[in-house]
PDB file of all heavy atoms in Angstrom:
ATOM      1  N   GLU A   1      64.895 102.144  26.324  1.00  0.00           N
ATOM      2  CA  GLU A   1      65.505 100.985  26.992  1.00  0.00           C
ATOM      3  C   GLU A   1      66.079 101.360  28.353  1.00  0.00           C
ATOM      4  O   GLU A   1      66.020 100.573  29.300  1.00  0.00           O
ATOM      5  CB  GLU A   1      66.609 100.386  26.111  1.00  0.00           C
ATOM      6  CG  GLU A   1      66.114  99.690  24.858  1.00  0.00           C
ATOM      7  CD  GLU A   1      65.794 100.684  23.746  1.00  0.00           C
ATOM      8  OE1 GLU A   1      66.093 101.894  23.912  1.00  0.00           O
ATOM      9  OE2 GLU A   1      65.241 100.256  22.719  1.00  0.00           O
ATOM     10  N   ILE A   2      66.632 102.565  28.461  1.00  0.00           N
ATOM     11  CA  ILE A   2      67.224 102.973  29.740  1.00  0.00           C
ATOM     12  C   ILE A   2      66.163 103.031  30.831  1.00  0.00           C
ATOM     13  O   ILE A   2      66.415 102.671  31.991  1.00  0.00           O
ATOM     14  CB  ILE A   2      67.962 104.336  29.602  1.00  0.00           C
ATOM     15  CG1 ILE A   2      68.689 104.667  30.916  1.00  0.00           C
ATOM     16  CG2 ILE A   2      67.011 105.461  29.212  1.00  0.00           C
ATOM     17  CD1 ILE A   2      69.580 105.896  30.829  1.00  0.00           C
ATOM     18  N   ILE A   3      64.950 103.451  30.484  1.00  0.00           N
ATOM     19  CA  ILE A   3      63.867 103.507  31.464  1.00  0.00           C
ATOM     20  C   ILE A   3      63.460 102.092  31.875  1.00  0.00           C
ATOM     21  O   ILE A   3      63.287 101.796  33.061  1.00  0.00           O
ATOM     22  CB  ILE A   3      62.672 104.289  30.901  1.00  0.00           C
ATOM     23  CG1 ILE A   3      63.036 105.771  30.758  1.00  0.00           C
ATOM     24  CG2 ILE A   3      61.442 104.129  31.797  1.00  0.00           C
ATOM     25  CD1 ILE A   3      61.929 106.631  30.190  1.00  0.00           C
ATOM     26  N   ARG A   4      63.328 101.212  30.894  1.00  0.00           N
ATOM     27  CA  ARG A   4      62.976  99.820  31.219  1.00  0.00           C
ATOM     28  C   ARG A   4      64.049  99.181  32.103  1.00  0.00           C
ATOM     29  O   ARG A   4      63.738  98.445  33.043  1.00  0.00           O
ATOM     30  CB  ARG A   4      62.801  99.010  29.936  1.00  0.00           C
ATOM     31  CG  ARG A   4      61.575  99.377  29.115  1.00  0.00           C
ATOM     32  CD  ARG A   4      61.254  98.297  28.102  1.00  0.00           C
ATOM     33  NE  ARG A   4      60.117  98.657  27.279  1.00  0.00           N
ATOM     34  CZ  ARG A   4      60.204  99.143  26.042  1.00  0.00           C
ATOM     35  NH1 ARG A   4      61.406  99.318  25.484  1.00  0.00           N
ATOM     36  NH2 ARG A   4      59.127  99.438  25.350  1.00  0.00           N
ATOM     37  N   ASP A   5      65.303  99.448  31.779  1.00  0.00           N
ATOM     38  CA  ASP A   5      66.397  98.890  32.582  1.00  0.00           C
ATOM     39  C   ASP A   5      66.301  99.361  34.025  1.00  0.00           C
ATOM     40  O   ASP A   5      66.516  98.575  34.965  1.00  0.00           O
ATOM     41  CB  ASP A   5      67.750  99.292  31.996  1.00  0.00           C
ATOM     42  CG  ASP A   5      68.066  98.584  30.682  1.00  0.00           C
ATOM     43  OD1 ASP A   5      67.392  97.582  30.367  1.00  0.00           O
ATOM     44  OD2 ASP A   5      68.984  99.041  29.972  1.00  0.00           O
ATOM     45  N   LEU A   6      65.970 100.640  34.212  1.00  0.00           N
ATOM     46  CA  LEU A   6      65.913 101.196  35.566  1.00  0.00           C
ATOM     47  C   LEU A   6      64.761 100.610  36.364  1.00  0.00           C
ATOM     48  O   LEU A   6      64.954 100.148  37.492  1.00  0.00           O
ATOM     49  CB  LEU A   6      65.794 102.726  35.497  1.00  0.00           C
ATOM     50  CG  LEU A   6      67.069 103.477  35.093  1.00  0.00           C
ATOM     51  CD1 LEU A   6      66.764 104.941  34.809  1.00  0.00           C
ATOM     52  CD2 LEU A   6      68.130 103.359  36.183  1.00  0.00           C
ATOM     53  N   TYR A   7      63.545 100.612  35.791  1.00  0.00           N
ATOM     54  CA  TYR A   7      62.443 100.108  36.616  1.00  0.00           C
ATOM     55  C   TYR A   7      62.506  98.588  36.789  1.00  0.00           C
ATOM     56  O   TYR A   7      62.049  98.064  37.801  1.00  0.00           O
ATOM     57  CB  TYR A   7      61.071 100.614  36.165  1.00  0.00           C
ATOM     58  CG  TYR A   7      60.514 100.152  34.840  1.00  0.00           C
ATOM     59  CD1 TYR A   7      60.238  98.812  34.565  1.00  0.00           C
ATOM     60  CD2 TYR A   7      60.159 101.096  33.868  1.00  0.00           C
ATOM     61  CE1 TYR A   7      59.670  98.411  33.363  1.00  0.00           C
ATOM     62  CE2 TYR A   7      59.592 100.702  32.653  1.00  0.00           C
ATOM     63  CZ  TYR A   7      59.346  99.354  32.420  1.00  0.00           C
ATOM     64  OH  TYR A   7      58.783  98.964  31.225  1.00  0.00           O
ATOM     65  N   SER A   8      63.113  97.897  35.833  1.00  0.00           N
ATOM     66  CA  SER A   8      63.290  96.445  35.999  1.00  0.00           C
ATOM     67  C   SER A   8      64.280  96.133  37.116  1.00  0.00           C
ATOM     68  O   SER A   8      64.217  95.060  37.737  1.00  0.00           O
ATOM     69  CB  SER A   8      63.775  95.814  34.695  1.00  0.00           C
ATOM     70  OG  SER A   8      62.797  95.949  33.678  1.00  0.00           O
ATOM     71  N   ALA A   9      65.203  97.060  37.384  1.00  0.00           N
ATOM     72  CA  ALA A   9      66.187  96.890  38.455  1.00  0.00           C
ATOM     73  C   ALA A   9      65.683  97.430  39.793  1.00  0.00           C
ATOM     74  O   ALA A   9      66.448  97.513  40.760  1.00  0.00           O
ATOM     75  CB  ALA A   9      67.490  97.587  38.079  1.00  0.00           C
ATOM     76  N   GLY A  10      64.400  97.796  39.856  1.00  0.00           N
ATOM     77  CA  GLY A  10      63.824  98.265  41.108  1.00  0.00           C
ATOM     78  C   GLY A  10      63.921  99.761  41.332  1.00  0.00           C
ATOM     79  O   GLY A  10      63.570 100.256  42.408  1.00  0.00           O
ATOM     80  N   MET A  11      64.406 100.496  40.330  1.00  0.00           N
ATOM     81  CA  MET A  11      64.552 101.945  40.450  1.00  0.00           C
ATOM     82  C   MET A  11      63.280 102.668  39.991  1.00  0.00           C
ATOM     83  O   MET A  11      62.453 102.113  39.258  1.00  0.00           O
ATOM     84  CB  MET A  11      65.722 102.443  39.606  1.00  0.00           C
ATOM     85  CG  MET A  11      67.026 101.710  39.850  1.00  0.00           C
ATOM     86  SD  MET A  11      67.691 102.033  41.493  1.00  0.00           S
ATOM     87  CE  MET A  11      69.225 101.095  41.399  1.00  0.00           C
ATOM     88  N   ILE A  12      63.153 103.918  40.394  1.00  0.00           N
ATOM     89  CA  ILE A  12      62.086 104.802  39.931  1.00  0.00           C
ATOM     90  C   ILE A  12      62.728 105.878  39.064  1.00  0.00           C
ATOM     91  O   ILE A  12      63.422 106.764  39.576  1.00  0.00           O
ATOM     92  CB  ILE A  12      61.333 105.445  41.103  1.00  0.00           C
ATOM     93  CG1 ILE A  12      60.678 104.366  41.977  1.00  0.00           C
ATOM     94  CG2 ILE A  12      60.280 106.436  40.589  1.00  0.00           C
ATOM     95  CD1 ILE A  12      60.089 104.885  43.275  1.00  0.00           C
ATOM     96  N   PRO A  13      62.560 105.826  37.737  1.00  0.00           N
ATOM     97  CA  PRO A  13      63.163 106.847  36.873  1.00  0.00           C
ATOM     98  C   PRO A  13      62.450 108.192  37.032  1.00  0.00           C
ATOM     99  O   PRO A  13      61.217 108.254  37.070  1.00  0.00           O
ATOM    100  CB  PRO A  13      62.941 106.292  35.453  1.00  0.00           C
ATOM    101  CG  PRO A  13      62.539 104.859  35.637  1.00  0.00           C
ATOM    102  CD  PRO A  13      61.876 104.780  36.963  1.00  0.00           C
ATOM    103  N   VAL A  14      63.243 109.252  37.131  1.00  0.00           N
ATOM    104  CA  VAL A  14      62.718 110.619  37.180  1.00  0.00           C
ATOM    105  C   VAL A  14      63.357 111.369  36.008  1.00  0.00           C
ATOM    106  O   VAL A  14      64.572 111.552  35.971  1.00  0.00           O
ATOM    107  CB  VAL A  14      63.058 111.308  38.518  1.00  0.00           C
ATOM    108  CG1 VAL A  14      62.503 112.733  38.531  1.00  0.00           C
ATOM    109  CG2 VAL A  14      62.501 110.497  39.690  1.00  0.00           C
ATOM    110  N   VAL A  15      62.539 111.779  35.044  1.00  0.00           N
ATOM    111  CA  VAL A  15      63.047 112.266  33.768  1.00  0.00           C
ATOM    112  C   VAL A  15      62.819 113.765  33.600  1.00  0.00           C
ATOM    113  O   VAL A  15      61.686 114.248  33.691  1.00  0.00           O
ATOM    114  CB  VAL A  15      62.385 111.512  32.590  1.00  0.00           C
ATOM    115  CG1 VAL A  15      63.049 111.920  31.273  1.00  0.00           C
ATOM    116  CG2 VAL A  15      62.464 110.007  32.788  1.00  0.00           C
ATOM    117  N   ALA A  16      63.909 114.487  33.332  1.00  0.00           N
ATOM    118  CA  ALA A  16      63.830 115.915  33.008  1.00  0.00           C
ATOM    119  C   ALA A  16      63.580 116.061  31.505  1.00  0.00           C
ATOM    120  O   ALA A  16      64.247 115.408  30.703  1.00  0.00           O
ATOM    121  CB  ALA A  16      65.126 116.617  33.392  1.00  0.00           C
ATOM    122  N   PRO A  17      62.643 116.935  31.092  1.00  0.00           N
ATOM    123  CA  PRO A  17      62.291 117.064  29.671  1.00  0.00           C
ATOM    124  C   PRO A  17      63.271 117.941  28.881  1.00  0.00           C
ATOM    125  O   PRO A  17      62.908 118.964  28.293  1.00  0.00           O
ATOM    126  CB  PRO A  17      60.897 117.681  29.723  1.00  0.00           C
ATOM    127  CG  PRO A  17      60.927 118.534  30.946  1.00  0.00           C
ATOM    128  CD  PRO A  17      61.783 117.774  31.946  1.00  0.00           C
ATOM    129  N   VAL A  18      64.519 117.515  28.892  1.00  0.00           N
ATOM    130  CA  VAL A  18      65.572 118.147  28.094  1.00  0.00           C
ATOM    131  C   VAL A  18      66.077 117.082  27.135  1.00  0.00           C
ATOM    132  O   VAL A  18      66.309 115.945  27.549  1.00  0.00           O
ATOM    133  CB  VAL A  18      66.727 118.652  28.983  1.00  0.00           C
ATOM    134  CG1 VAL A  18      67.854 119.216  28.133  1.00  0.00           C
ATOM    135  CG2 VAL A  18      66.221 119.697  29.967  1.00  0.00           C
ATOM    136  N   ALA A  19      66.217 117.422  25.862  1.00  0.00           N
ATOM    137  CA  ALA A  19      66.532 116.405  24.862  1.00  0.00           C
ATOM    138  C   ALA A  19      67.722 116.803  24.012  1.00  0.00           C
ATOM    139  O   ALA A  19      68.106 117.974  23.943  1.00  0.00           O
ATOM    140  CB  ALA A  19      65.322 116.160  23.957  1.00  0.00           C
ATOM    141  N   THR A  20      68.274 115.802  23.362  1.00  0.00           N
ATOM    142  CA  THR A  20      69.335 116.033  22.388  1.00  0.00           C
ATOM    143  C   THR A  20      68.714 116.239  21.007  1.00  0.00           C
ATOM    144  O   THR A  20      67.544 115.933  20.791  1.00  0.00           O
ATOM    145  CB  THR A  20      70.305 114.835  22.369  1.00  0.00           C
ATOM    146  OG1 THR A  20      71.428 115.142  21.566  1.00  0.00           O
ATOM    147  CG2 THR A  20      69.628 113.581  21.822  1.00  0.00           C
ATOM    148  N   GLY A  21      69.506 116.786  20.084  1.00  0.00           N
ATOM    149  CA  GLY A  21      69.028 117.018  18.726  1.00  0.00           C
ATOM    150  C   GLY A  21      69.701 116.098  17.729  1.00  0.00           C
ATOM    151  O   GLY A  21      70.476 115.208  18.091  1.00  0.00           O
ATOM    152  N   MET A  22      69.416 116.318  16.456  1.00  0.00           N
ATOM    153  CA  MET A  22      70.004 115.507  15.398  1.00  0.00           C
ATOM    154  C   MET A  22      71.449 115.925  15.114  1.00  0.00           C
ATOM    155  O   MET A  22      72.235 115.146  14.590  1.00  0.00           O
ATOM    156  CB  MET A  22      69.173 115.624  14.109  1.00  0.00           C
ATOM    157  CG  MET A  22      67.706 115.257  14.287  1.00  0.00           C
ATOM    158  SD  MET A  22      67.442 113.521  14.726  1.00  0.00           S
ATOM    159  CE  MET A  22      67.752 112.744  13.132  1.00  0.00           C
ATOM    160  N   GLU A  23      71.773 117.158  15.481  1.00  0.00           N
ATOM    161  CA  GLU A  23      73.125 117.671  15.274  1.00  0.00           C
ATOM    162  C   GLU A  23      73.950 117.525  16.555  1.00  0.00           C
ATOM    163  O   GLU A  23      73.394 117.407  17.656  1.00  0.00           O
ATOM    164  CB  GLU A  23      73.076 119.153  14.860  1.00  0.00           C
ATOM    165  CG  GLU A  23      72.214 119.433  13.631  1.00  0.00           C
ATOM    166  CD  GLU A  23      72.772 118.804  12.369  1.00  0.00           C
ATOM    167  OE1 GLU A  23      74.019 118.652  12.293  1.00  0.00           O
ATOM    168  OE2 GLU A  23      71.990 118.456  11.477  1.00  0.00           O
ATOM    169  N   ASP A  24      75.264 117.560  16.420  1.00  0.00           N
ATOM    170  CA  ASP A  24      76.135 117.462  17.586  1.00  0.00           C
ATOM    171  C   ASP A  24      75.936 118.666  18.506  1.00  0.00           C
ATOM    172  O   ASP A  24      75.752 119.798  18.035  1.00  0.00           O
ATOM    173  CB  ASP A  24      77.610 117.401  17.153  1.00  0.00           C
ATOM    174  CG  ASP A  24      77.957 116.088  16.470  1.00  0.00           C
ATOM    175  OD1 ASP A  24      77.171 115.123  16.608  1.00  0.00           O
ATOM    176  OD2 ASP A  24      79.007 116.033  15.797  1.00  0.00           O
ATOM    177  N   ASN A  25      75.992 118.409  19.807  1.00  0.00           N
ATOM    178  CA  ASN A  25      75.921 119.465  20.828  1.00  0.00           C
ATOM    179  C   ASN A  25      74.635 120.288  20.759  1.00  0.00           C
ATOM    180  O   ASN A  25      74.627 121.464  21.123  1.00  0.00           O
ATOM    181  CB  ASN A  25      77.139 120.399  20.723  1.00  0.00           C
ATOM    182  CG  ASN A  25      78.436 119.663  20.959  1.00  0.00           C
ATOM    183  OD1 ASN A  25      78.541 118.847  21.875  1.00  0.00           O
ATOM    184  ND2 ASN A  25      79.439 119.926  20.119  1.00  0.00           N
ATOM    185  N   GLU A  26      73.546 119.674  20.302  1.00  0.00           N
ATOM    186  CA  GLU A  26      72.264 120.369  20.238  1.00  0.00           C
ATOM    187  C   GLU A  26      71.431 119.991  21.458  1.00  0.00           C
ATOM    188  O   GLU A  26      71.338 118.824  21.819  1.00  0.00           O
ATOM    189  CB  GLU A  26      71.518 119.950  18.960  1.00  0.00           C
ATOM    190  CG  GLU A  26      70.929 121.114  18.203  1.00  0.00           C
ATOM    191  CD  GLU A  26      70.274 120.675  16.897  1.00  0.00           C
ATOM    192  OE1 GLU A  26      70.155 119.464  16.634  1.00  0.00           O
ATOM    193  OE2 GLU A  26      69.893 121.565  16.147  1.00  0.00           O
ATOM    194  N   THR A  27      70.838 121.006  22.081  1.00  0.00           N
ATOM    195  CA  THR A  27      69.991 120.781  23.247  1.00  0.00           C
ATOM    196  C   THR A  27      68.624 121.391  22.996  1.00  0.00           C
ATOM    197  O   THR A  27      68.526 122.516  22.508  1.00  0.00           O
ATOM    198  CB  THR A  27      70.602 121.413  24.514  1.00  0.00           C
ATOM    199  OG1 THR A  27      71.883 120.829  24.758  1.00  0.00           O
ATOM    200  CG2 THR A  27      69.711 121.202  25.726  1.00  0.00           C
ATOM    201  N   PHE A  28      67.562 120.649  23.360  1.00  0.00           N
ATOM    202  CA  PHE A  28      66.208 121.151  23.183  1.00  0.00           C
ATOM    203  C   PHE A  28      65.442 121.120  24.500  1.00  0.00           C
ATOM    204  O   PHE A  28      65.563 120.181  25.293  1.00  0.00           O
ATOM    205  CB  PHE A  28      65.445 120.313  22.148  1.00  0.00           C
ATOM    206  CG  PHE A  28      65.812 120.619  20.723  1.00  0.00           C
ATOM    207  CD1 PHE A  28      66.707 119.814  20.043  1.00  0.00           C
ATOM    208  CD2 PHE A  28      65.270 121.717  20.074  1.00  0.00           C
ATOM    209  CE1 PHE A  28      67.060 120.088  18.728  1.00  0.00           C
ATOM    210  CE2 PHE A  28      65.610 122.001  18.762  1.00  0.00           C
ATOM    211  CZ  PHE A  28      66.503 121.191  18.085  1.00  0.00           C
ATOM    212  N   ASN A  29      64.658 122.151  24.708  1.00  0.00           N
ATOM    213  CA  ASN A  29      63.689 122.209  25.794  1.00  0.00           C
ATOM    214  C   ASN A  29      62.395 121.587  25.261  1.00  0.00           C
ATOM    215  O   ASN A  29      61.916 121.947  24.192  1.00  0.00           O
ATOM    216  CB  ASN A  29      63.458 123.683  26.178  1.00  0.00           C
ATOM    217  CG  ASN A  29      62.382 123.862  27.231  1.00  0.00           C
ATOM    218  OD1 ASN A  29      62.128 122.963  28.017  1.00  0.00           O
ATOM    219  ND2 ASN A  29      61.741 125.025  27.226  1.00  0.00           N
ATOM    220  N   VAL A  30      61.843 120.624  25.992  1.00  0.00           N
ATOM    221  CA  VAL A  30      60.623 119.949  25.558  1.00  0.00           C
ATOM    222  C   VAL A  30      59.518 120.223  26.573  1.00  0.00           C
ATOM    223  O   VAL A  30      59.745 120.126  27.787  1.00  0.00           O
ATOM    224  CB  VAL A  30      60.842 118.430  25.413  1.00  0.00           C
ATOM    225  CG1 VAL A  30      59.599 117.753  24.850  1.00  0.00           C
ATOM    226  CG2 VAL A  30      62.054 118.146  24.530  1.00  0.00           C
ATOM    227  N   ASN A  31      58.334 120.577  26.087  1.00  0.00           N
ATOM    228  CA  ASN A  31      57.188 120.748  26.972  1.00  0.00           C
ATOM    229  C   ASN A  31      57.013 119.479  27.812  1.00  0.00           C
ATOM    230  O   ASN A  31      57.091 118.362  27.300  1.00  0.00           O
ATOM    231  CB  ASN A  31      55.946 121.015  26.123  1.00  0.00           C
ATOM    232  CG  ASN A  31      54.679 121.073  26.950  1.00  0.00           C
ATOM    233  OD1 ASN A  31      54.053 120.048  27.183  1.00  0.00           O
ATOM    234  ND2 ASN A  31      54.309 122.252  27.389  1.00  0.00           N
ATOM    235  N   GLY A  32      56.792 119.657  29.119  1.00  0.00           N
ATOM    236  CA  GLY A  32      56.720 118.509  30.018  1.00  0.00           C
ATOM    237  C   GLY A  32      55.621 117.527  29.663  1.00  0.00           C
ATOM    238  O   GLY A  32      55.827 116.302  29.716  1.00  0.00           O
ATOM    239  N   ASP A  33      54.434 118.031  29.302  1.00  0.00           N
ATOM    240  CA  ASP A  33      53.350 117.141  28.899  1.00  0.00           C
ATOM    241  C   ASP A  33      53.723 116.378  27.633  1.00  0.00           C
ATOM    242  O   ASP A  33      53.467 115.173  27.519  1.00  0.00           O
ATOM    243  CB  ASP A  33      52.068 117.947  28.651  1.00  0.00           C
ATOM    244  CG  ASP A  33      51.467 118.500  29.925  1.00  0.00           C
ATOM    245  OD1 ASP A  33      51.722 117.933  31.004  1.00  0.00           O
ATOM    246  OD2 ASP A  33      50.735 119.504  29.848  1.00  0.00           O
ATOM    247  N   THR A  34      54.326 117.086  26.679  1.00  0.00           N
ATOM    248  CA  THR A  34      54.739 116.453  25.424  1.00  0.00           C
ATOM    249  C   THR A  34      55.745 115.337  25.684  1.00  0.00           C
ATOM    250  O   THR A  34      55.642 114.232  25.125  1.00  0.00           O
ATOM    251  CB  THR A  34      55.358 117.492  24.475  1.00  0.00           C
ATOM    252  OG1 THR A  34      54.377 118.507  24.204  1.00  0.00           O
ATOM    253  CG2 THR A  34      55.790 116.858  23.166  1.00  0.00           C
ATOM    254  N   ALA A  35      56.720 115.610  26.546  1.00  0.00           N
ATOM    255  CA  ALA A  35      57.738 114.607  26.873  1.00  0.00           C
ATOM    256  C   ALA A  35      57.108 113.400  27.549  1.00  0.00           C
ATOM    257  O   ALA A  35      57.427 112.245  27.218  1.00  0.00           O
ATOM    258  CB  ALA A  35      58.812 115.219  27.771  1.00  0.00           C
TER     259      ALA A  35
END
């Protein structure tokens, strides 16, 4: 939804392939193609 909100408002979203996990304070590196 955040991406849709941005491009609907005239913005160009630029997304870094870093993600959150199921646990608190978890950070994951995601392959760029996969993301």
